[in-house]
C-alpha atoms as a PDB file:
ATOM      1  CA  UNK A   1      -0.945   4.094  18.409  1.00  0.00           C
ATOM      2  CA  UNK A   2      -0.432   7.396  18.606  1.00  0.00           C
ATOM      3  CA  UNK A   3      -0.509  10.019  16.208  1.00  0.00           C
ATOM      4  CA  UNK A   4       1.702  12.735  14.878  1.00  0.00           C
ATOM      5  CA  UNK A   5       0.189  16.464  13.798  1.00  0.00           C
ATOM      6  CA  UNK A   6       1.692  17.896  10.431  1.00  0.00           C
ATOM      7  CA  UNK A   7       0.443  21.593  10.321  1.00  0.00           C
ATOM      8  CA  UNK A   8       0.913  22.415   6.556  1.00  0.00           C
ATOM      9  CA  UNK A   9      -1.081  25.876   6.580  1.00  0.00           C
ATOM     10  CA  UNK A  10       2.299  28.043   6.674  1.00  0.00           C
ATOM     11  CA  UNK A  11       4.080  26.226   3.789  1.00  0.00           C
ATOM     12  CA  UNK A  12       3.800  26.897   0.179  1.00  0.00           C
ATOM     13  CA  UNK A  13       3.678  23.976  -2.408  1.00  0.00           C
ATOM     14  CA  UNK A  14       7.513  25.102  -3.286  1.00  0.00           C
ATOM     15  CA  UNK A  15       8.528  25.055   0.235  1.00  0.00           C
ATOM     16  CA  UNK A  16       7.707  21.337   0.710  1.00  0.00           C
ATOM     17  CA  UNK A  17       7.692  20.001  -2.621  1.00  0.00           C
ATOM     18  CA  UNK A  18      11.687  20.342  -3.000  1.00  0.00           C
ATOM     19  CA  UNK A  19      12.866  20.288   0.319  1.00  0.00           C
ATOM     20  CA  UNK A  20      12.823  17.876   3.166  1.00  0.00           C
ATOM     21  CA  UNK A  21       9.836  18.552   5.654  1.00  0.00           C
ATOM     22  CA  UNK A  22      11.049  22.051   7.060  1.00  0.00           C
ATOM     23  CA  UNK A  23      13.065  22.463  10.331  1.00  0.00           C
ATOM     24  CA  UNK A  24      10.365  23.954  12.293  1.00  0.00           C
ATOM     25  CA  UNK A  25       7.664  21.069  12.597  1.00  0.00           C
ATOM     26  CA  UNK A  26      10.242  20.149  15.084  1.00  0.00           C
ATOM     27  CA  UNK A  27       8.031  17.172  16.332  1.00  0.00           C
ATOM     28  CA  UNK A  28       8.584  15.419  13.300  1.00  0.00           C
ATOM     29  CA  UNK A  29      11.306  16.634  11.146  1.00  0.00           C
ATOM     30  CA  UNK A  30      13.801  14.299  13.159  1.00  0.00           C
ATOM     31  CA  UNK A  31      11.894  11.055  12.141  1.00  0.00           C
ATOM     32  CA  UNK A  32      10.460  12.070   8.814  1.00  0.00           C
ATOM     33  CA  UNK A  33      12.447  12.156   5.384  1.00  0.00           C
ATOM     34  CA  UNK A  34      11.185  13.624   2.027  1.00  0.00           C
ATOM     35  CA  UNK A  35      10.546  10.733  -0.285  1.00  0.00           C
ATOM     36  CA  UNK A  36      12.960  10.445  -2.953  1.00  0.00           C
ATOM     37  CA  UNK A  37      11.835   9.476  -6.537  1.00  0.00           C
ATOM     38  CA  UNK A  38      13.585   6.350  -6.541  1.00  0.00           C
ATOM     39  CA  UNK A  39      11.702   5.496  -2.966  1.00  0.00           C
ATOM     40  CA  UNK A  40       7.915   6.109  -3.779  1.00  0.00           C
ATOM     41  CA  UNK A  41       6.894   6.816  -7.633  1.00  0.00           C
ATOM     42  CA  UNK A  42       4.508   9.955  -8.075  1.00  0.00           C
ATOM     43  CA  UNK A  43       2.411   6.848  -8.722  1.00  0.00           C
ATOM     44  CA  UNK A  44       2.232   5.168  -5.517  1.00  0.00           C
ATOM     45  CA  UNK A  45       3.243   2.193  -3.892  1.00  0.00           C
ATOM     46  CA  UNK A  46       1.050  -0.790  -2.847  1.00  0.00           C
ATOM     47  CA  UNK A  47       1.132  -0.377   1.153  1.00  0.00           C
ATOM     48  CA  UNK A  48       0.437  -4.063   1.879  1.00  0.00           C
ATOM     49  CA  UNK A  49       3.773  -4.676   0.648  1.00  0.00           C
ATOM     50  CA  UNK A  50       5.105  -3.343   3.544  1.00  0.00           C
ATOM     51  CA  UNK A  51       3.844  -5.593   5.796  1.00  0.00           C
ATOM     52  CA  UNK A  52       4.226  -8.601   6.973  1.00  0.00           C
ATOM     53  CA  UNK A  53       6.319 -11.355   5.681  1.00  0.00           C
ATOM     54  CA  UNK A  54       6.735 -12.995   2.013  1.00  0.00           C
ATOM     55  CA  UNK A  55       4.277 -15.882   1.140  1.00  0.00           C
ATOM     56  CA  UNK A  56       4.646 -19.540   1.739  1.00  0.00           C
ATOM     57  CA  UNK A  57       3.680 -22.533  -0.253  1.00  0.00           C
ATOM     58  CA  UNK A  58       0.767 -23.227   2.651  1.00  0.00           C
ATOM     59  CA  UNK A  59      -0.557 -19.981   2.000  1.00  0.00           C
ATOM     60  CA  UNK A  60      -0.979 -21.114  -1.963  1.00  0.00           C
ATOM     61  CA  UNK A  61      -2.376 -24.110  -1.109  1.00  0.00           C
ATOM     62  CA  UNK A  62      -4.735 -22.578   1.602  1.00  0.00           C
ATOM     63  CA  UNK A  63      -5.854 -20.174  -1.406  1.00  0.00           C
ATOM     64  CA  UNK A  64      -6.687 -23.214  -4.072  1.00  0.00           C
ATOM     65  CA  UNK A  65      -8.518 -25.105  -1.507  1.00  0.00           C
ATOM     66  CA  UNK A  66     -10.743 -21.598  -1.079  1.00  0.00           C
ATOM     67  CA  UNK A  67     -11.178 -20.982  -4.500  1.00  0.00           C
ATOM     68  CA  UNK A  68     -12.080 -24.231  -5.515  1.00  0.00           C
ATOM     69  CA  UNK A  69     -14.747 -24.273  -2.736  1.00  0.00           C
ATOM     70  CA  UNK A  70     -16.059 -20.987  -3.715  1.00  0.00           C
ATOM     71  CA  UNK A  71     -16.435 -21.637  -7.384  1.00  0.00           C
ATOM     72  CA  UNK A  72     -17.213 -25.310  -6.858  1.00  0.00           C
ATOM     73  CA  UNK A  73     -14.602 -26.651  -9.479  1.00  0.00           C
ATOM     74  CA  UNK A  74     -11.071 -27.770  -9.806  1.00  0.00           C
ATOM     75  CA  UNK A  75      -8.620 -25.637 -11.640  1.00  0.00           C
ATOM     76  CA  UNK A  76      -5.933 -26.299 -13.578  1.00  0.00           C
ATOM     77  CA  UNK A  77      -2.591 -26.915 -11.933  1.00  0.00           C
ATOM     78  CA  UNK A  78      -0.876 -25.034 -15.143  1.00  0.00           C
ATOM     79  CA  UNK A  79      -3.258 -22.018 -13.538  1.00  0.00           C
ATOM     80  CA  UNK A  80      -2.182 -22.089 -10.296  1.00  0.00           C
ATOM     81  CA  UNK A  81       1.381 -23.049 -11.179  1.00  0.00           C
ATOM     82  CA  UNK A  82       1.264 -19.508 -13.215  1.00  0.00           C
ATOM     83  CA  UNK A  83      -0.373 -17.102 -10.499  1.00  0.00           C
ATOM     84  CA  UNK A  84       1.763 -17.906  -8.141  1.00  0.00           C
ATOM     85  CA  UNK A  85       4.903 -17.982  -9.709  1.00  0.00           C
ATOM     86  CA  UNK A  86       4.177 -14.013 -10.648  1.00  0.00           C
ATOM     87  CA  UNK A  87       3.145 -13.471  -7.437  1.00  0.00           C
ATOM     88  CA  UNK A  88       6.808 -15.122  -6.059  1.00  0.00           C
ATOM     89  CA  UNK A  89       8.193 -13.362  -8.567  1.00  0.00           C
ATOM     90  CA  UNK A  90       6.763  -9.484  -7.533  1.00  0.00           C
ATOM     91  CA  UNK A  91       7.607 -10.153  -3.753  1.00  0.00           C
ATOM     92  CA  UNK A  92       4.265 -10.182  -2.516  1.00  0.00           C
ATOM     93  CA  UNK A  93       3.894 -10.582   1.377  1.00  0.00           C
ATOM     94  CA  UNK A  94       1.392 -12.914   3.447  1.00  0.00           C
ATOM     95  CA  UNK A  95      -0.593  -9.868   3.859  1.00  0.00           C
ATOM     96  CA  UNK A  96      -1.076  -8.844   0.288  1.00  0.00           C
ATOM     97  CA  UNK A  97      -2.183 -12.561  -0.583  1.00  0.00           C
ATOM     98  CA  UNK A  98      -4.529 -12.512   2.251  1.00  0.00           C
ATOM     99  CA  UNK A  99      -5.987  -9.093   1.309  1.00  0.00           C
ATOM    100  CA  UNK A 100      -6.002  -9.786  -2.278  1.00  0.00           C
ATOM    101  CA  UNK A 101      -7.704 -13.248  -2.116  1.00  0.00           C
ATOM    102  CA  UNK A 102     -10.390 -11.475   0.082  1.00  0.00           C
ATOM    103  CA  UNK A 103     -10.877  -9.160  -2.313  1.00  0.00           C
ATOM    104  CA  UNK A 104     -11.254 -11.723  -5.234  1.00  0.00           C
ATOM    105  CA  UNK A 105     -13.666 -13.934  -3.061  1.00  0.00           C
ATOM    106  CA  UNK A 106     -16.145 -11.282  -2.785  1.00  0.00           C
ATOM    107  CA  UNK A 107     -15.729  -9.491  -6.402  1.00  0.00           C
ATOM    108  CA  UNK A 108     -15.612 -12.537  -8.411  1.00  0.00           C
ATOM    109  CA  UNK A 109     -18.999 -14.075  -9.319  1.00  0.00           C
ATOM    110  CA  UNK A 110     -17.566 -16.391 -11.760  1.00  0.00           C
ATOM    111  CA  UNK A 111     -14.613 -19.258 -12.028  1.00  0.00           C
ATOM    112  CA  UNK A 112     -13.337 -18.067 -15.286  1.00  0.00           C
ATOM    113  CA  UNK A 113     -10.758 -15.694 -13.558  1.00  0.00           C
ATOM    114  CA  UNK A 114      -7.432 -14.763 -15.287  1.00  0.00           C
ATOM    115  CA  UNK A 115      -4.078 -14.612 -14.065  1.00  0.00           C
ATOM    116  CA  UNK A 116      -4.220 -10.447 -14.740  1.00  0.00           C
ATOM    117  CA  UNK A 117      -7.666 -10.204 -12.571  1.00  0.00           C
ATOM    118  CA  UNK A 118      -5.122 -10.787  -9.295  1.00  0.00           C
ATOM    119  CA  UNK A 119      -2.769  -7.993  -9.555  1.00  0.00           C
ATOM    120  CA  UNK A 120      -5.944  -5.153  -9.751  1.00  0.00           C
ATOM    121  CA  UNK A 121      -6.465  -4.641  -6.006  1.00  0.00           C
ATOM    122  CA  UNK A 122      -4.275  -2.465  -4.450  1.00  0.00           C
ATOM    123  CA  UNK A 123      -4.039  -0.240  -1.463  1.00  0.00           C
ATOM    124  CA  UNK A 124      -1.883   2.643  -2.580  1.00  0.00           C
ATOM    125  CA  UNK A 125       0.303   4.908  -0.581  1.00  0.00           C
ATOM    126  CA  UNK A 126       1.581   8.294  -2.613  1.00  0.00           C
ATOM    127  CA  UNK A 127       4.538  10.482  -1.956  1.00  0.00           C
ATOM    128  CA  UNK A 128       4.209  14.508  -1.072  1.00  0.00           C
ATOM    129  CA  UNK A 129       4.091  15.439  -4.577  1.00  0.00           C
ATOM    130  CA  UNK A 130       1.209  13.554  -5.290  1.00  0.00           C
ATOM    131  CA  UNK A 131      -0.523  15.390  -2.432  1.00  0.00           C
ATOM    132  CA  UNK A 132       0.169  18.514  -3.455  1.00  0.00           C
ATOM    133  CA  UNK A 133      -1.666  17.877  -6.585  1.00  0.00           C
ATOM    134  CA  UNK A 134      -4.974  16.627  -4.725  1.00  0.00           C
ATOM    135  CA  UNK A 135      -8.232  19.051  -4.934  1.00  0.00           C
ATOM    136  CA  UNK A 136      -9.736  17.758  -1.810  1.00  0.00           C
ATOM    137  CA  UNK A 137      -7.125  17.356   0.921  1.00  0.00           C
ATOM    138  CA  UNK A 138      -9.645  16.832   3.299  1.00  0.00           C
ATOM    139  CA  UNK A 139     -10.234  13.288   1.638  1.00  0.00           C
ATOM    140  CA  UNK A 140      -6.594  12.361   2.341  1.00  0.00           C
ATOM    141  CA  UNK A 141      -4.820  10.575   5.211  1.00  0.00           C
ATOM    142  CA  UNK A 142      -0.952  10.685   6.155  1.00  0.00           C
ATOM    143  CA  UNK A 143       0.862   7.915   7.465  1.00  0.00           C
ATOM    144  CA  UNK A 144       4.530   7.584   9.031  1.00  0.00           C
ATOM    145  CA  UNK A 145       6.166   4.253   6.984  1.00  0.00           C
ATOM    146  CA  UNK A 146       9.662   2.815   7.315  1.00  0.00           C
ATOM    147  CA  UNK A 147      10.271   1.644   3.694  1.00  0.00           C
ATOM    148  CA  UNK A 148      12.038  -2.085   3.891  1.00  0.00           C
ATOM    149  CA  UNK A 149      14.185  -1.654   1.085  1.00  0.00           C
ATOM    150  CA  UNK A 150      16.112   1.323   2.572  1.00  0.00           C
ATOM    151  CA  UNK A 151      15.014   1.785   5.845  1.00  0.00           C
ATOM    152  CA  UNK A 152      14.281   5.262   5.430  1.00  0.00           C
ATOM    153  CA  UNK A 153      10.745   6.493   7.101  1.00  0.00           C
ATOM    154  CA  UNK A 154       8.919   8.786   5.378  1.00  0.00           C
ATOM    155  CA  UNK A 155       4.763  10.112   5.317  1.00  0.00           C
ATOM    156  CA  UNK A 156       3.057   8.644   2.511  1.00  0.00           C
ATOM    157  CA  UNK A 157      -0.460   9.724   1.714  1.00  0.00           C
ATOM    158  CA  UNK A 158      -3.652   8.128   0.475  1.00  0.00           C
ATOM    159  CA  UNK A 159      -6.911   8.755  -0.257  1.00  0.00           C
ATOM    160  CA  UNK A 160      -9.397   7.753   2.633  1.00  0.00           C
ATOM    161  CA  UNK A 161     -10.979   4.560   1.914  1.00  0.00           C
ATOM    162  CA  UNK A 162     -12.031   2.787   4.689  1.00  0.00           C
ATOM    163  CA  UNK A 163      -9.171   0.434   4.604  1.00  0.00           C
ATOM    164  CA  UNK A 164      -6.851   0.582   7.779  1.00  0.00           C
ATOM    165  CA  UNK A 165      -3.419   0.145   7.885  1.00  0.00           C
ATOM    166  CA  UNK A 166      -1.144  -0.609  10.637  1.00  0.00           C
ATOM    167  CA  UNK A 167       1.027   2.373  10.096  1.00  0.00           C
ATOM    168  CA  UNK A 168       1.321   5.412  12.462  1.00  0.00           C
ATOM    169  CA  UNK A 169      -1.154   7.871  11.039  1.00  0.00           C
ATOM    170  CA  UNK A 170      -0.165  11.490  11.113  1.00  0.00           C
ATOM    171  CA  UNK A 171      -2.854  14.074  12.159  1.00  0.00           C
ATOM    172  CA  UNK A 172      -3.016  16.693   9.187  1.00  0.00           C
ATOM    173  CA  UNK A 173      -3.816  20.667   9.798  1.00  0.00           C
ATOM    174  CA  UNK A 174      -4.900  22.069   6.034  1.00  0.00           C
END
């Protein structure tokens, strides 16, 4: 995947936080829009919700088998029904469900989990306003992302945490 370079040295915080990416960044200004607060809140969005198709009943059945095998016990139907209902309500994608299940299996040693435990894992992407507030920008990376609800193409930021995303990475010059 080809990377785009964004040079932020020549622009002040006010220049970029109140307007779309400046026109003199020709290589990306035509394809990347400023992110509105309605599209991506300052608290970020889960990148895994932007990848892939919605989950299916087969995903749930496979997860239940894996959890019961891992913990060596059978779980109540009611517990799984509540869990899967909440996951469906939130519109999880297959990718989010798969990655959360892997994380869950690696991090929960005991079978006494709660439904809330499933909602602790995410890979957050943030708007440019979040980027401006970060003290060590060398530990951040940017991605070109198409938002599914609005079809807007935006630049979103995340901490470098070893998690690779299938979006086009943007190289940043500070």
